[in-house]
C-alpha atoms as a PDB file:
ATOM      1  CA  MET A   1      63.856 -48.043  -4.282  1.00  0.00           C
ATOM      2  CA  ALA A   2      67.375 -48.686  -2.916  1.00  0.00           C
ATOM      3  CA  ARG A   3      69.329 -45.414  -2.849  1.00  0.00           C
ATOM      4  CA  LEU A   4      72.655 -44.341  -1.419  1.00  0.00           C
ATOM      5  CA  GLU A   5      72.865 -40.624  -0.567  1.00  0.00           C
ATOM      6  CA  THR A   6      76.402 -39.350  -0.039  1.00  0.00           C
ATOM      7  CA  SER A   7      75.875 -35.581  -0.041  1.00  0.00           C
ATOM      8  CA  GLY A   8      75.725 -35.207   3.774  1.00  0.00           C
ATOM      9  CA  TYR A   9      78.345 -35.707   6.483  1.00  0.00           C
ATOM     10  CA  THR A  10      77.551 -39.423   6.578  1.00  0.00           C
ATOM     11  CA  PRO A  11      76.142 -41.782   3.932  1.00  0.00           C
ATOM     12  CA  VAL A  12      72.414 -42.496   4.126  1.00  0.00           C
ATOM     13  CA  LEU A  13      70.751 -45.576   2.678  1.00  0.00           C
ATOM     14  CA  ILE A  14      67.076 -45.312   1.744  1.00  0.00           C
ATOM     15  CA  LEU A  15      65.555 -48.767   1.537  1.00  0.00           C
ATOM     16  CA  SER A  16      62.270 -50.647   1.319  1.00  0.00           C
ATOM     17  CA  ASP A  17      61.347 -53.116   4.046  1.00  0.00           C
ATOM     18  CA  ALA A  18      62.603 -56.128   2.060  1.00  0.00           C
ATOM     19  CA  GLU A  19      65.822 -54.325   1.077  1.00  0.00           C
ATOM     20  CA  TRP A  20      66.568 -53.399   4.705  1.00  0.00           C
ATOM     21  CA  LEU A  21      65.931 -56.926   5.973  1.00  0.00           C
ATOM     22  CA  SER A  22      68.133 -58.436   3.259  1.00  0.00           C
ATOM     23  CA  LEU A  23      70.944 -55.911   3.726  1.00  0.00           C
ATOM     24  CA  ARG A  24      70.864 -56.322   7.506  1.00  0.00           C
ATOM     25  CA  THR A  25      71.359 -60.074   6.993  1.00  0.00           C
ATOM     26  CA  VAL A  26      74.377 -59.432   4.748  1.00  0.00           C
ATOM     27  CA  ALA A  27      75.803 -56.963   7.299  1.00  0.00           C
ATOM     28  CA  ILE A  28      75.850 -59.629  10.021  1.00  0.00           C
ATOM     29  CA  GLY A  29      77.548 -62.171   7.765  1.00  0.00           C
ATOM     30  CA  GLY A  30      74.709 -63.621   5.714  1.00  0.00           C
ATOM     31  CA  HIS A  31      74.706 -64.482   2.030  1.00  0.00           C
ATOM     32  CA  ILE A  32      74.487 -61.858  -0.685  1.00  0.00           C
ATOM     33  CA  PRO A  33      70.932 -61.943  -2.065  1.00  0.00           C
ATOM     34  CA  LYS A  34      70.157 -62.887  -5.642  1.00  0.00           C
ATOM     35  CA  GLY A  35      67.391 -61.881  -8.023  1.00  0.00           C
ATOM     36  CA  ARG A  36      65.429 -58.659  -8.295  1.00  0.00           C
ATOM     37  CA  LEU A  37      66.172 -57.468  -4.794  1.00  0.00           C
ATOM     38  CA  ALA A  38      69.933 -57.823  -5.340  1.00  0.00           C
ATOM     39  CA  ARG A  39      69.710 -55.969  -8.659  1.00  0.00           C
ATOM     40  CA  ARG A  40      68.015 -53.007  -6.948  1.00  0.00           C
ATOM     41  CA  LEU A  41      70.711 -52.931  -4.241  1.00  0.00           C
ATOM     42  CA  ARG A  42      73.453 -53.101  -6.890  1.00  0.00           C
ATOM     43  CA  ARG A  43      71.882 -50.338  -9.004  1.00  0.00           C
ATOM     44  CA  GLY A  44      71.665 -48.211  -5.865  1.00  0.00           C
ATOM     45  CA  GLY A  45      75.417 -48.591  -5.254  1.00  0.00           C
ATOM     46  CA  ILE A  46      74.860 -50.539  -2.034  1.00  0.00           C
ATOM     47  CA  LEU A  47      75.988 -54.034  -3.051  1.00  0.00           C
ATOM     48  CA  ASP A  48      78.550 -55.438  -5.462  1.00  0.00           C
ATOM     49  CA  ASP A  49      79.870 -58.958  -6.130  1.00  0.00           C
ATOM     50  CA  GLN A  50      81.940 -58.934  -2.917  1.00  0.00           C
ATOM     51  CA  GLY A  51      79.120 -57.713  -0.675  1.00  0.00           C
ATOM     52  CA  ILE A  52      78.366 -54.285   0.772  1.00  0.00           C
ATOM     53  CA  THR A  53      80.164 -51.444  -1.027  1.00  0.00           C
ATOM     54  CA  ALA A  54      82.581 -49.215   0.913  1.00  0.00           C
ATOM     55  CA  PRO A  55      80.336 -46.111   0.825  1.00  0.00           C
ATOM     56  CA  ALA A  56      77.335 -48.116   2.075  1.00  0.00           C
ATOM     57  CA  ALA A  57      79.382 -49.968   4.711  1.00  0.00           C
ATOM     58  CA  ALA A  58      79.849 -46.748   6.679  1.00  0.00           C
ATOM     59  CA  ALA A  59      76.103 -46.723   7.380  1.00  0.00           C
ATOM     60  CA  LEU A  60      76.024 -50.395   8.407  1.00  0.00           C
ATOM     61  CA  HIS A  61      79.088 -50.831  10.654  1.00  0.00           C
ATOM     62  CA  GLY A  62      76.969 -50.648  13.802  1.00  0.00           C
ATOM     63  CA  VAL A  63      74.798 -53.597  12.742  1.00  0.00           C
ATOM     64  CA  ALA A  64      77.732 -56.000  12.408  1.00  0.00           C
ATOM     65  CA  GLY A  65      79.204 -55.201  15.825  1.00  0.00           C
ATOM     66  CA  ALA A  66      76.013 -54.437  17.720  1.00  0.00           C
ATOM     67  CA  THR A  67      75.863 -55.427  21.352  1.00  0.00           C
ATOM     68  CA  ARG A  68      72.582 -53.609  21.896  1.00  0.00           C
ATOM     69  CA  HIS A  69      69.461 -52.925  19.863  1.00  0.00           C
ATOM     70  CA  LEU A  70      67.094 -50.107  20.750  1.00  0.00           C
ATOM     71  CA  ASP A  71      63.655 -49.748  19.143  1.00  0.00           C
ATOM     72  CA  VAL A  72      61.731 -46.556  19.935  1.00  0.00           C
ATOM     73  CA  ALA A  73      58.269 -45.420  18.881  1.00  0.00           C
ATOM     74  CA  SER A  74      56.483 -42.171  19.703  1.00  0.00           C
ATOM     75  CA  PHE A  75      52.888 -41.186  19.162  1.00  0.00           C
ATOM     76  CA  ALA A  76      51.211 -37.786  19.377  1.00  0.00           C
ATOM     77  CA  PRO A  77      47.611 -36.793  18.584  1.00  0.00           C
ATOM     78  CA  ALA A  78      48.639 -34.207  15.971  1.00  0.00           C
ATOM     79  CA  ARG A  79      51.325 -36.326  14.258  1.00  0.00           C
ATOM     80  CA  PRO A  80      51.523 -39.839  12.900  1.00  0.00           C
ATOM     81  CA  GLY A  81      53.577 -42.353  14.837  1.00  0.00           C
ATOM     82  CA  GLN A  82      57.330 -42.214  14.475  1.00  0.00           C
ATOM     83  CA  ARG A  83      59.748 -45.097  14.912  1.00  0.00           C
ATOM     84  CA  ALA A  84      63.519 -45.410  15.022  1.00  0.00           C
ATOM     85  CA  GLU A  85      65.978 -48.192  15.772  1.00  0.00           C
ATOM     86  CA  ALA A  86      69.581 -48.074  16.916  1.00  0.00           C
ATOM     87  CA  TRP A  87      72.046 -50.928  16.494  1.00  0.00           C
ATOM     88  CA  ILE A  88      74.740 -49.981  18.991  1.00  0.00           C
ATOM     89  CA  GLY A  89      78.241 -51.424  19.053  1.00  0.00           C
ATOM     90  CA  PRO A  90      81.321 -50.497  21.070  1.00  0.00           C
ATOM     91  CA  GLN A  91      82.723 -48.142  18.393  1.00  0.00           C
ATOM     92  CA  ARG A  92      79.851 -47.449  16.003  1.00  0.00           C
ATOM     93  CA  ALA A  93      76.093 -47.315  15.760  1.00  0.00           C
ATOM     94  CA  THR A  94      73.605 -47.683  12.949  1.00  0.00           C
ATOM     95  CA  ILE A  95      70.434 -45.611  13.232  1.00  0.00           C
ATOM     96  CA  VAL A  96      67.357 -46.619  11.234  1.00  0.00           C
ATOM     97  CA  LYS A  97      64.554 -44.074  10.936  1.00  0.00           C
ATOM     98  CA  HIS A  98      61.235 -45.357   9.656  1.00  0.00           C
ATOM     99  CA  GLU A  99      60.077 -42.657   7.235  1.00  0.00           C
ATOM    100  CA  PRO A 100      57.118 -42.547   4.813  1.00  0.00           C
ATOM    101  CA  ASP A 101      59.441 -43.126   1.825  1.00  0.00           C
ATOM    102  CA  GLY A 102      61.261 -46.076   3.434  1.00  0.00           C
ATOM    103  CA  TYR A 103      63.932 -46.899   5.970  1.00  0.00           C
ATOM    104  CA  HIS A 104      66.660 -44.247   6.305  1.00  0.00           C
ATOM    105  CA  VAL A 105      69.859 -45.927   7.526  1.00  0.00           C
ATOM    106  CA  TYR A 106      72.654 -43.778   9.013  1.00  0.00           C
ATOM    107  CA  GLY A 107      76.013 -44.711  10.476  1.00  0.00           C
ATOM    108  CA  LEU A 108      77.528 -42.938  13.465  1.00  0.00           C
ATOM    109  CA  ASP A 109      81.155 -43.205  14.496  1.00  0.00           C
ATOM    110  CA  GLU A 110      82.283 -43.247  18.084  1.00  0.00           C
ATOM    111  CA  CYS A 111      81.552 -39.549  18.567  1.00  0.00           C
ATOM    112  CA  ARG A 112      79.553 -37.116  16.407  1.00  0.00           C
ATOM    113  CA  GLY A 113      78.867 -33.726  17.961  1.00  0.00           C
ATOM    114  CA  ALA A 114      76.664 -34.127  21.033  1.00  0.00           C
ATOM    115  CA  LEU A 115      76.176 -37.862  20.495  1.00  0.00           C
ATOM    116  CA  CYS A 116      78.996 -39.946  21.965  1.00  0.00           C
ATOM    117  CA  LEU A 117      79.027 -43.709  22.101  1.00  0.00           C
ATOM    118  CA  ARG A 118      81.881 -43.782  24.621  1.00  0.00           C
ATOM    119  CA  PRO A 119      81.013 -44.807  28.168  1.00  0.00           C
ATOM    120  CA  VAL A 120      80.457 -41.850  30.461  1.00  0.00           C
ATOM    121  CA  ALA A 121      82.592 -41.965  33.630  1.00  0.00           C
END
């Protein structure tokens, strides 16, 4: 399932549960996985022999430097539950949306439009 989408303004990783957990471990300094899972991540352009590829790293910078983790869920009678996580660091954040087709992982720099990660005075 591992896919790297680069057509938008920021790279998006689309991952299964196991792929996300494994990649998150690599992003915080863990070992590069081996076996079938690693092959899927390599085919998707997310991992190589040195670790996370440059295009994929842009989506994961917030995980490595995170000082805060936010996990949000919302429920409404007419819609299925929705869940998102944010791994927030001083300069970057990684947003993980839980979608029906997998985890969508986005990277945000210090400031993107209305969303700023700088402290407000």
